[in-house]
N, C-alpha and C. Protein backbone atom coordinates (compact mmCIF):
# COMPACT_ATOMS: atom_id res chain seq x y z
N UNK A 1 -4.52 40.12 -64.85
CA UNK A 1 -5.42 39.14 -65.42
C UNK A 1 -5.06 38.96 -66.90
N UNK A 2 -5.40 37.82 -67.41
CA UNK A 2 -5.11 37.52 -68.80
C UNK A 2 -6.31 36.86 -69.44
N UNK A 3 -6.29 36.79 -70.76
CA UNK A 3 -7.40 36.16 -71.46
C UNK A 3 -7.46 34.69 -71.08
N UNK A 4 -8.66 34.19 -70.93
CA UNK A 4 -8.83 32.79 -70.58
C UNK A 4 -9.22 32.58 -69.13
N UNK A 5 -9.17 33.63 -68.32
CA UNK A 5 -9.53 33.49 -66.91
C UNK A 5 -10.99 33.07 -66.79
N UNK A 6 -11.87 33.70 -67.55
CA UNK A 6 -13.29 33.35 -67.50
C UNK A 6 -13.50 31.91 -67.94
N UNK A 7 -12.76 31.46 -68.96
CA UNK A 7 -12.88 30.08 -69.41
C UNK A 7 -12.41 29.11 -68.33
N UNK A 8 -11.33 29.46 -67.65
CA UNK A 8 -10.83 28.58 -66.59
C UNK A 8 -11.81 28.52 -65.43
N UNK A 9 -12.41 29.66 -65.08
CA UNK A 9 -13.39 29.67 -63.99
C UNK A 9 -14.63 28.86 -64.37
N UNK A 10 -15.08 29.02 -65.61
CA UNK A 10 -16.24 28.27 -66.07
C UNK A 10 -15.92 26.77 -66.08
N UNK A 11 -14.74 26.42 -66.54
CA UNK A 11 -14.34 25.01 -66.57
C UNK A 11 -14.33 24.43 -65.17
N UNK A 12 -13.81 25.19 -64.22
CA UNK A 12 -13.76 24.71 -62.84
C UNK A 12 -15.16 24.52 -62.28
N UNK A 13 -16.07 25.45 -62.57
CA UNK A 13 -17.43 25.33 -62.07
C UNK A 13 -18.18 24.16 -62.68
N UNK A 14 -17.92 23.90 -63.97
CA UNK A 14 -18.61 22.81 -64.66
C UNK A 14 -17.91 21.48 -64.54
N UNK A 15 -16.67 21.49 -64.08
CA UNK A 15 -15.92 20.25 -63.98
C UNK A 15 -15.43 19.74 -65.32
N UNK A 16 -15.17 20.66 -66.24
CA UNK A 16 -14.68 20.31 -67.58
C UNK A 16 -13.25 20.81 -67.74
N UNK A 17 -12.50 20.22 -68.67
CA UNK A 17 -11.18 20.77 -68.96
C UNK A 17 -11.30 22.17 -69.59
N UNK A 18 -10.34 23.02 -69.31
CA UNK A 18 -10.36 24.38 -69.85
C UNK A 18 -10.32 24.36 -71.38
N UNK A 19 -9.63 23.38 -71.97
CA UNK A 19 -9.55 23.28 -73.43
C UNK A 19 -10.94 23.02 -74.02
N UNK A 20 -11.74 22.20 -73.33
CA UNK A 20 -13.09 21.89 -73.82
C UNK A 20 -13.96 23.14 -73.78
N UNK A 21 -13.87 23.89 -72.70
CA UNK A 21 -14.66 25.13 -72.58
C UNK A 21 -14.22 26.11 -73.67
N UNK A 22 -12.93 26.18 -73.95
CA UNK A 22 -12.45 27.05 -75.02
C UNK A 22 -12.99 26.64 -76.37
N UNK A 23 -13.06 25.33 -76.61
CA UNK A 23 -13.61 24.83 -77.88
C UNK A 23 -15.10 25.15 -77.99
N UNK A 24 -15.83 25.01 -76.89
CA UNK A 24 -17.25 25.33 -76.90
C UNK A 24 -17.46 26.82 -77.17
N UNK A 25 -16.65 27.66 -76.55
CA UNK A 25 -16.74 29.11 -76.78
C UNK A 25 -16.43 29.46 -78.23
N UNK A 26 -15.42 28.82 -78.80
CA UNK A 26 -15.06 29.09 -80.19
C UNK A 26 -16.18 28.67 -81.14
N UNK A 27 -16.80 27.53 -80.86
CA UNK A 27 -17.89 27.06 -81.72
C UNK A 27 -19.10 27.99 -81.59
N UNK A 28 -19.42 28.42 -80.37
CA UNK A 28 -20.54 29.34 -80.18
C UNK A 28 -20.29 30.66 -80.88
N UNK A 29 -19.08 31.16 -80.81
CA UNK A 29 -18.73 32.41 -81.47
C UNK A 29 -18.88 32.27 -82.98
N UNK A 30 -18.44 31.15 -83.52
CA UNK A 30 -18.55 30.92 -84.96
C UNK A 30 -20.01 30.87 -85.39
N UNK A 31 -20.88 30.26 -84.57
CA UNK A 31 -22.30 30.20 -84.92
C UNK A 31 -22.96 31.57 -84.85
N UNK A 32 -22.53 32.40 -83.92
CA UNK A 32 -23.10 33.74 -83.82
C UNK A 32 -22.66 34.59 -85.01
N UNK A 33 -21.39 34.47 -85.38
CA UNK A 33 -20.87 35.29 -86.48
C UNK A 33 -21.31 34.79 -87.85
N UNK A 34 -21.49 33.48 -87.99
CA UNK A 34 -21.86 32.88 -89.28
C UNK A 34 -22.98 31.87 -89.05
N UNK A 35 -24.24 32.35 -88.89
CA UNK A 35 -25.34 31.42 -88.63
C UNK A 35 -25.58 30.48 -89.81
N UNK A 36 -26.09 29.28 -89.53
CA UNK A 36 -26.36 28.34 -90.63
C UNK A 36 -27.47 28.89 -91.53
N UNK A 37 -27.42 28.49 -92.77
CA UNK A 37 -28.44 28.92 -93.72
C UNK A 37 -29.75 28.22 -93.41
N UNK A 38 -30.84 28.85 -93.77
CA UNK A 38 -32.16 28.27 -93.57
C UNK A 38 -32.40 27.16 -94.58
N UNK A 39 -33.51 26.46 -94.43
CA UNK A 39 -33.82 25.38 -95.38
C UNK A 39 -34.10 25.93 -96.77
N UNK A 40 -33.88 25.10 -97.75
CA UNK A 40 -34.14 25.49 -99.14
C UNK A 40 -35.64 25.68 -99.34
N UNK A 41 -36.02 26.59 -100.20
CA UNK A 41 -37.45 26.78 -100.44
C UNK A 41 -38.08 25.54 -101.06
N UNK A 42 -39.32 25.26 -100.69
CA UNK A 42 -40.03 24.09 -101.19
C UNK A 42 -41.09 24.57 -102.16
N UNK A 43 -41.25 23.87 -103.26
CA UNK A 43 -42.29 24.24 -104.21
C UNK A 43 -41.69 24.94 -105.41
N UNK A 44 -42.56 25.30 -106.33
CA UNK A 44 -42.09 25.96 -107.55
C UNK A 44 -41.56 27.36 -107.25
N UNK A 45 -40.59 27.77 -108.03
CA UNK A 45 -40.06 29.12 -107.90
C UNK A 45 -41.05 30.11 -108.48
N UNK A 46 -41.14 31.26 -107.89
CA UNK A 46 -42.06 32.27 -108.40
C UNK A 46 -41.59 32.77 -109.76
N UNK A 47 -42.49 32.78 -110.71
CA UNK A 47 -42.15 33.28 -112.04
C UNK A 47 -41.47 32.25 -112.93
N UNK A 48 -41.22 31.06 -112.44
CA UNK A 48 -40.57 30.03 -113.25
C UNK A 48 -41.61 29.35 -114.13
N UNK A 49 -41.22 29.08 -115.34
CA UNK A 49 -42.10 28.40 -116.28
C UNK A 49 -41.69 26.93 -116.33
N UNK A 50 -42.64 26.01 -116.06
CA UNK A 50 -42.28 24.59 -116.12
C UNK A 50 -41.94 24.18 -117.55
N UNK A 51 -40.99 23.30 -117.68
CA UNK A 51 -40.61 22.88 -119.03
C UNK A 51 -41.17 21.54 -119.38
């Protein structure tokens, strides 16, 4: 067996090209390893003095 067998099986089951399944897996892995930042805080900063 070689790497990519699971992707090929998944592609066959979903009816997608194996390259597309590989791209989806790569994007999901990137999101798990580097999640997007949360929204910026709203309102005044604590301890900040307005000018």
